């Protein structure tokens, strides 16, 4: 199995959440599935992980390379014909850098390259997995198709997802939502989780469900 993993920076407040991303990578690696990291080549507004204040700009691709240990490709090089699964870990980068959900709510816009990657995967009938707040990106792109996903418990984000056309399934931190009709697998991670062990189990359970359905 070959996985394309879209990153959005480095850090839960303004990029990919590290513990979620590594849990997802580990769940793939435990099955000897290969993954390739991708990220957009663009700048983003940096948020301090100490006091929450914005502090200038950095490059999404360069910051994502920290997680990927340098093994990363520009998202523009993604071709679904080369991969079996598309994966989006969580972190506010999904809501700030891959989309504008953090700023615009229901009026959010998804980056065109991210939207195209999701649509190409969906129309190729290949699975998509997403964690934490990243399912909001799927709600925007795939909501019109009636996809079912989870953002954990009832919350403002879940309400927006439903308004965008998606169906929301309530889940605990180690649970997952498997929409087998649309080949979409999601887990809430730190939307409801409080411990790294829960994050790992959520990722593992989600990937195990995907594996069983392949």
C-alpha atoms as a PDB file:
ATOM      1  CA  UNK A   1       0.000   0.000   0.000  1.00  0.00           C
ATOM      2  CA  UNK A   2       1.191   3.491  -0.832  1.00  0.00           C
ATOM      3  CA  UNK A   3      -0.155   6.433   1.140  1.00  0.00           C
ATOM      4  CA  UNK A   4      -0.044  10.121   0.222  1.00  0.00           C
ATOM      5  CA  UNK A   5       0.040  12.193   3.411  1.00  0.00           C
ATOM      6  CA  UNK A   6      -0.770  15.913   3.138  1.00  0.00           C
ATOM      7  CA  UNK A   7       0.894  18.033   5.825  1.00  0.00           C
ATOM      8  CA  UNK A   8       0.077  21.651   6.679  1.00  0.00           C
ATOM      9  CA  UNK A   9       3.079  22.841   8.687  1.00  0.00           C
ATOM     10  CA  UNK A  10       4.544  21.749  12.020  1.00  0.00           C
ATOM     11  CA  UNK A  11       2.635  22.204  15.278  1.00  0.00           C
ATOM     12  CA  UNK A  12      -0.951  21.897  16.455  1.00  0.00           C
ATOM     13  CA  UNK A  13      -1.753  25.620  16.548  1.00  0.00           C
ATOM     14  CA  UNK A  14      -0.753  26.484  13.001  1.00  0.00           C
ATOM     15  CA  UNK A  15       0.249  23.283  11.204  1.00  0.00           C
ATOM     16  CA  UNK A  16      -0.024  19.505  11.381  1.00  0.00           C
ATOM     17  CA  UNK A  17      -0.498  18.174  14.929  1.00  0.00           C
ATOM     18  CA  UNK A  18       2.659  16.228  15.674  1.00  0.00           C
ATOM     19  CA  UNK A  19       1.218  13.491  17.873  1.00  0.00           C
ATOM     20  CA  UNK A  20      -1.643  12.852  15.458  1.00  0.00           C
ATOM     21  CA  UNK A  21       0.651  12.826  12.443  1.00  0.00           C
ATOM     22  CA  UNK A  22       3.155  10.458  14.052  1.00  0.00           C
ATOM     23  CA  UNK A  23       0.376   8.164  15.304  1.00  0.00           C
ATOM     24  CA  UNK A  24      -0.970   7.958  11.763  1.00  0.00           C
ATOM     25  CA  UNK A  25       2.493   7.330  10.323  1.00  0.00           C
ATOM     26  CA  UNK A  26       3.092   4.606  12.901  1.00  0.00           C
ATOM     27  CA  UNK A  27      -0.230   2.918  12.140  1.00  0.00           C
ATOM     28  CA  UNK A  28       0.776   2.796   8.478  1.00  0.00           C
ATOM     29  CA  UNK A  29       4.335   1.669   9.182  1.00  0.00           C
ATOM     30  CA  UNK A  30       3.189  -1.170  11.479  1.00  0.00           C
ATOM     31  CA  UNK A  31       1.517  -2.648   8.377  1.00  0.00           C
ATOM     32  CA  UNK A  32       4.579  -2.061   6.199  1.00  0.00           C
ATOM     33  CA  UNK A  33       2.601   0.465   4.167  1.00  0.00           C
ATOM     34  CA  UNK A  34       4.731   3.097   2.511  1.00  0.00           C
ATOM     35  CA  UNK A  35       3.827   6.745   2.910  1.00  0.00           C
ATOM     36  CA  UNK A  36       5.000   9.848   1.092  1.00  0.00           C
ATOM     37  CA  UNK A  37       4.522  13.279   2.624  1.00  0.00           C
ATOM     38  CA  UNK A  38       3.333  16.230   0.560  1.00  0.00           C
ATOM     39  CA  UNK A  39       2.708  19.878   1.434  1.00  0.00           C
ATOM     40  CA  UNK A  40       1.731  23.067  -0.403  1.00  0.00           C
ATOM     41  CA  UNK A  41       4.496  25.525  -1.247  1.00  0.00           C
ATOM     42  CA  UNK A  42       3.114  28.683   0.313  1.00  0.00           C
ATOM     43  CA  UNK A  43       3.448  30.870   3.385  1.00  0.00           C
ATOM     44  CA  UNK A  44       1.279  30.835   6.499  1.00  0.00           C
ATOM     45  CA  UNK A  45       0.739  32.941   9.603  1.00  0.00           C
ATOM     46  CA  UNK A  46       2.781  31.508  12.462  1.00  0.00           C
ATOM     47  CA  UNK A  47       1.127  31.117  15.883  1.00  0.00           C
ATOM     48  CA  UNK A  48       3.287  30.957  19.004  1.00  0.00           C
ATOM     49  CA  UNK A  49       2.863  27.666  20.853  1.00  0.00           C
ATOM     50  CA  UNK A  50       3.724  29.509  24.074  1.00  0.00           C
ATOM     51  CA  UNK A  51       1.248  32.397  24.168  1.00  0.00           C
ATOM     52  CA  UNK A  52      -0.984  31.895  21.084  1.00  0.00           C
ATOM     53  CA  UNK A  53       0.037  35.179  19.471  1.00  0.00           C
ATOM     54  CA  UNK A  54       0.736  35.465  15.747  1.00  0.00           C
ATOM     55  CA  UNK A  55       4.386  36.110  15.024  1.00  0.00           C
ATOM     56  CA  UNK A  56       5.101  36.560  11.327  1.00  0.00           C
ATOM     57  CA  UNK A  57       5.108  34.084   8.461  1.00  0.00           C
ATOM     58  CA  UNK A  58       6.859  30.867   7.504  1.00  0.00           C
ATOM     59  CA  UNK A  59       6.718  28.414   4.615  1.00  0.00           C
ATOM     60  CA  UNK A  60       4.241  25.503   4.845  1.00  0.00           C
ATOM     61  CA  UNK A  61       6.446  23.181   2.805  1.00  0.00           C
ATOM     62  CA  UNK A  62       9.632  23.939   4.747  1.00  0.00           C
ATOM     63  CA  UNK A  63       7.923  23.553   8.124  1.00  0.00           C
ATOM     64  CA  UNK A  64       6.226  20.300   7.071  1.00  0.00           C
ATOM     65  CA  UNK A  65       9.628  18.923   6.082  1.00  0.00           C
ATOM     66  CA  UNK A  66      10.525  18.927   9.786  1.00  0.00           C
ATOM     67  CA  UNK A  67       7.941  16.201  10.428  1.00  0.00           C
ATOM     68  CA  UNK A  68       8.834  14.287   7.277  1.00  0.00           C
ATOM     69  CA  UNK A  69      12.564  14.373   8.127  1.00  0.00           C
ATOM     70  CA  UNK A  70      13.106  16.090   4.794  1.00  0.00           C
ATOM     71  CA  UNK A  71      11.380  13.390   2.729  1.00  0.00           C
ATOM     72  CA  UNK A  72       8.631  15.568   1.301  1.00  0.00           C
ATOM     73  CA  UNK A  73       7.314  16.566  -2.104  1.00  0.00           C
ATOM     74  CA  UNK A  74       5.392  19.640  -3.284  1.00  0.00           C
ATOM     75  CA  UNK A  75       1.658  18.943  -3.327  1.00  0.00           C
ATOM     76  CA  UNK A  76       1.576  19.939  -6.993  1.00  0.00           C
ATOM     77  CA  UNK A  77       3.438  16.692  -7.737  1.00  0.00           C
ATOM     78  CA  UNK A  78       0.710  14.499  -6.219  1.00  0.00           C
ATOM     79  CA  UNK A  79      -0.917  12.086  -8.671  1.00  0.00           C
ATOM     80  CA  UNK A  80      -3.543   9.716  -7.325  1.00  0.00           C
ATOM     81  CA  UNK A  81      -2.553   7.085  -9.887  1.00  0.00           C
ATOM     82  CA  UNK A  82       0.660   6.643  -7.861  1.00  0.00           C
ATOM     83  CA  UNK A  83      -1.078   6.065  -4.512  1.00  0.00           C
ATOM     84  CA  UNK A  84      -3.720   3.883  -2.884  1.00  0.00           C
ATOM     85  CA  UNK A  85      -4.849   6.156  -0.030  1.00  0.00           C
ATOM     86  CA  UNK A  86      -4.907   9.887   0.737  1.00  0.00           C
ATOM     87  CA  UNK A  87      -4.402  10.916   4.385  1.00  0.00           C
ATOM     88  CA  UNK A  88      -4.871  14.217   6.217  1.00  0.00           C
ATOM     89  CA  UNK A  89      -3.718  14.403   9.855  1.00  0.00           C
ATOM     90  CA  UNK A  90      -5.199  17.092  12.088  1.00  0.00           C
ATOM     91  CA  UNK A  91      -3.898  20.279  13.620  1.00  0.00           C
ATOM     92  CA  UNK A  92      -5.061  23.825  13.014  1.00  0.00           C
ATOM     93  CA  UNK A  93      -3.011  23.935   9.844  1.00  0.00           C
ATOM     94  CA  UNK A  94      -5.889  22.071   8.199  1.00  0.00           C
ATOM     95  CA  UNK A  95      -8.201  24.916   9.222  1.00  0.00           C
ATOM     96  CA  UNK A  96      -5.737  27.763   8.599  1.00  0.00           C
ATOM     97  CA  UNK A  97      -3.417  26.647   5.787  1.00  0.00           C
ATOM     98  CA  UNK A  98      -5.230  23.937   3.818  1.00  0.00           C
ATOM     99  CA  UNK A  99      -8.515  25.824   4.167  1.00  0.00           C
ATOM    100  CA  UNK A 100      -9.859  29.044   5.662  1.00  0.00           C
ATOM    101  CA  UNK A 101     -12.246  27.390   8.136  1.00  0.00           C
ATOM    102  CA  UNK A 102     -10.481  28.981  11.121  1.00  0.00           C
ATOM    103  CA  UNK A 103     -11.176  32.439   9.693  1.00  0.00           C
ATOM    104  CA  UNK A 104     -14.349  32.066   7.628  1.00  0.00           C
ATOM    105  CA  UNK A 105     -16.354  29.254   9.218  1.00  0.00           C
ATOM    106  CA  UNK A 106     -19.114  28.032   6.906  1.00  0.00           C
ATOM    107  CA  UNK A 107     -17.858  30.401   4.212  1.00  0.00           C
ATOM    108  CA  UNK A 108     -14.531  28.575   4.170  1.00  0.00           C
ATOM    109  CA  UNK A 109     -12.500  28.001   1.029  1.00  0.00           C
ATOM    110  CA  UNK A 110     -10.215  24.995   0.501  1.00  0.00           C
ATOM    111  CA  UNK A 111      -6.912  25.483  -1.305  1.00  0.00           C
ATOM    112  CA  UNK A 112      -7.365  24.483  -4.940  1.00  0.00           C
ATOM    113  CA  UNK A 113      -4.475  21.979  -4.871  1.00  0.00           C
ATOM    114  CA  UNK A 114      -5.853  20.312  -1.738  1.00  0.00           C
ATOM    115  CA  UNK A 115      -9.381  20.244  -3.160  1.00  0.00           C
ATOM    116  CA  UNK A 116      -8.105  18.695  -6.386  1.00  0.00           C
ATOM    117  CA  UNK A 117      -6.181  16.003  -4.500  1.00  0.00           C
ATOM    118  CA  UNK A 118      -9.310  15.095  -2.526  1.00  0.00           C
ATOM    119  CA  UNK A 119     -11.576  15.069  -5.575  1.00  0.00           C
ATOM    120  CA  UNK A 120      -9.099  13.040  -7.640  1.00  0.00           C
ATOM    121  CA  UNK A 121      -8.924  10.449  -4.854  1.00  0.00           C
ATOM    122  CA  UNK A 122     -12.683  10.385  -4.361  1.00  0.00           C
ATOM    123  CA  UNK A 123     -13.447   9.960  -8.062  1.00  0.00           C
ATOM    124  CA  UNK A 124     -10.811   7.216  -8.314  1.00  0.00           C
ATOM    125  CA  UNK A 125     -12.809   5.388  -5.589  1.00  0.00           C
ATOM    126  CA  UNK A 126      -9.754   5.267  -3.357  1.00  0.00           C
ATOM    127  CA  UNK A 127      -9.894   5.750   0.440  1.00  0.00           C
ATOM    128  CA  UNK A 128      -9.367   9.030   2.263  1.00  0.00           C
ATOM    129  CA  UNK A 129      -8.506   9.158   5.968  1.00  0.00           C
ATOM    130  CA  UNK A 130      -8.562  12.276   8.151  1.00  0.00           C
ATOM    131  CA  UNK A 131      -8.112  13.145  11.823  1.00  0.00           C
ATOM    132  CA  UNK A 132      -9.203  15.829  14.274  1.00  0.00           C
ATOM    133  CA  UNK A 133     -10.254  19.052  12.477  1.00  0.00           C
ATOM    134  CA  UNK A 134      -9.078  17.843   9.030  1.00  0.00           C
ATOM    135  CA  UNK A 135     -12.500  16.236   8.317  1.00  0.00           C
ATOM    136  CA  UNK A 136     -13.796  19.826   7.996  1.00  0.00           C
ATOM    137  CA  UNK A 137     -11.808  20.040   4.764  1.00  0.00           C
ATOM    138  CA  UNK A 138     -13.552  16.878   3.578  1.00  0.00           C
ATOM    139  CA  UNK A 139     -16.924  18.309   4.641  1.00  0.00           C
ATOM    140  CA  UNK A 140     -16.377  21.297   2.387  1.00  0.00           C
ATOM    141  CA  UNK A 141     -15.157  19.312  -0.621  1.00  0.00           C
ATOM    142  CA  UNK A 142     -17.231  16.141  -0.266  1.00  0.00           C
ATOM    143  CA  UNK A 143     -20.242  17.459   1.625  1.00  0.00           C
ATOM    144  CA  UNK A 144     -22.236  17.761  -1.604  1.00  0.00           C
ATOM    145  CA  UNK A 145     -21.803  13.984  -2.031  1.00  0.00           C
ATOM    146  CA  UNK A 146     -23.316  13.315   1.412  1.00  0.00           C
ATOM    147  CA  UNK A 147     -20.180  11.927   3.026  1.00  0.00           C
ATOM    148  CA  UNK A 148     -20.371  10.827   6.669  1.00  0.00           C
ATOM    149  CA  UNK A 149     -17.532  11.828   8.991  1.00  0.00           C
ATOM    150  CA  UNK A 150     -16.733  12.598  12.609  1.00  0.00           C
ATOM    151  CA  UNK A 151     -15.462  15.619  14.503  1.00  0.00           C
ATOM    152  CA  UNK A 152     -16.055  13.894  17.829  1.00  0.00           C
ATOM    153  CA  UNK A 153     -18.907  15.205  19.935  1.00  0.00           C
ATOM    154  CA  UNK A 154     -21.579  17.735  18.906  1.00  0.00           C
ATOM    155  CA  UNK A 155     -19.788  21.062  18.431  1.00  0.00           C
ATOM    156  CA  UNK A 156     -19.771  24.196  16.306  1.00  0.00           C
ATOM    157  CA  UNK A 157     -17.524  22.560  13.698  1.00  0.00           C
ATOM    158  CA  UNK A 158     -19.867  19.571  13.432  1.00  0.00           C
ATOM    159  CA  UNK A 159     -22.793  21.948  12.907  1.00  0.00           C
ATOM    160  CA  UNK A 160     -20.945  23.627  10.040  1.00  0.00           C
ATOM    161  CA  UNK A 161     -20.043  20.256   8.515  1.00  0.00           C
ATOM    162  CA  UNK A 162     -23.733  19.324   8.445  1.00  0.00           C
ATOM    163  CA  UNK A 163     -24.626  22.663   6.866  1.00  0.00           C
ATOM    164  CA  UNK A 164     -22.060  21.921   4.161  1.00  0.00           C
ATOM    165  CA  UNK A 165     -23.903  18.705   3.333  1.00  0.00           C
ATOM    166  CA  UNK A 166     -21.937  16.161   5.343  1.00  0.00           C
ATOM    167  CA  UNK A 167     -23.425  13.797   7.916  1.00  0.00           C
ATOM    168  CA  UNK A 168     -21.855  13.796  11.368  1.00  0.00           C
ATOM    169  CA  UNK A 169     -21.283  10.717  13.512  1.00  0.00           C
ATOM    170  CA  UNK A 170     -20.575  11.130  17.231  1.00  0.00           C
ATOM    171  CA  UNK A 171     -17.365   9.384  18.288  1.00  0.00           C
ATOM    172  CA  UNK A 172     -15.105   9.109  21.319  1.00  0.00           C
ATOM    173  CA  UNK A 173     -11.342   9.722  21.124  1.00  0.00           C
ATOM    174  CA  UNK A 174     -10.432   6.127  20.217  1.00  0.00           C
ATOM    175  CA  UNK A 175     -13.420   5.564  17.932  1.00  0.00           C
ATOM    176  CA  UNK A 176     -13.636   6.078  14.200  1.00  0.00           C
ATOM    177  CA  UNK A 177     -16.251   6.707  11.547  1.00  0.00           C
ATOM    178  CA  UNK A 178     -16.109   4.492   8.463  1.00  0.00           C
ATOM    179  CA  UNK A 179     -18.162   5.734   5.520  1.00  0.00           C
ATOM    180  CA  UNK A 180     -17.698   2.704   3.323  1.00  0.00           C
ATOM    181  CA  UNK A 181     -19.970   4.001   0.583  1.00  0.00           C
ATOM    182  CA  UNK A 182     -17.698   6.993   0.013  1.00  0.00           C
ATOM    183  CA  UNK A 183     -14.440   5.352   1.185  1.00  0.00           C
ATOM    184  CA  UNK A 184     -13.863   7.980   3.896  1.00  0.00           C
ATOM    185  CA  UNK A 185     -12.433   7.108   7.333  1.00  0.00           C
ATOM    186  CA  UNK A 186     -12.153   9.664  10.136  1.00  0.00           C
ATOM    187  CA  UNK A 187     -11.288   9.783  13.838  1.00  0.00           C
ATOM    188  CA  UNK A 188     -11.688  12.752  16.216  1.00  0.00           C
ATOM    189  CA  UNK A 189      -8.259  12.636  17.909  1.00  0.00           C
ATOM    190  CA  UNK A 190      -7.659  15.823  19.917  1.00  0.00           C
ATOM    191  CA  UNK A 191     -11.100  17.189  19.081  1.00  0.00           C
ATOM    192  CA  UNK A 192     -12.115  15.093  22.111  1.00  0.00           C
ATOM    193  CA  UNK A 193      -8.979  13.227  23.201  1.00  0.00           C
ATOM    194  CA  UNK A 194      -6.759  14.309  26.081  1.00  0.00           C
ATOM    195  CA  UNK A 195      -3.939  11.717  26.027  1.00  0.00           C
ATOM    196  CA  UNK A 196      -1.477  10.644  23.364  1.00  0.00           C
ATOM    197  CA  UNK A 197      -2.426   7.000  23.976  1.00  0.00           C
ATOM    198  CA  UNK A 198      -5.980   7.837  22.894  1.00  0.00           C
ATOM    199  CA  UNK A 199      -4.681   9.537  19.763  1.00  0.00           C
ATOM    200  CA  UNK A 200      -2.634   6.506  18.805  1.00  0.00           C
ATOM    201  CA  UNK A 201      -5.511   4.100  19.444  1.00  0.00           C
ATOM    202  CA  UNK A 202      -7.868   6.243  17.377  1.00  0.00           C
ATOM    203  CA  UNK A 203      -5.424   6.268  14.463  1.00  0.00           C
ATOM    204  CA  UNK A 204      -4.738   2.544  14.827  1.00  0.00           C
ATOM    205  CA  UNK A 205      -8.419   1.634  14.995  1.00  0.00           C
ATOM    206  CA  UNK A 206      -9.223   3.805  11.975  1.00  0.00           C
ATOM    207  CA  UNK A 207      -6.407   2.322   9.893  1.00  0.00           C
ATOM    208  CA  UNK A 208      -7.341  -1.218  11.026  1.00  0.00           C
ATOM    209  CA  UNK A 209     -10.880  -0.613   9.755  1.00  0.00           C
ATOM    210  CA  UNK A 210      -9.494   0.645   6.459  1.00  0.00           C
ATOM    211  CA  UNK A 211      -7.236  -2.412   6.188  1.00  0.00           C
ATOM    212  CA  UNK A 212     -10.154  -4.776   6.830  1.00  0.00           C
ATOM    213  CA  UNK A 213     -12.184  -3.131   4.068  1.00  0.00           C
ATOM    214  CA  UNK A 214      -9.485  -3.216   1.391  1.00  0.00           C
END
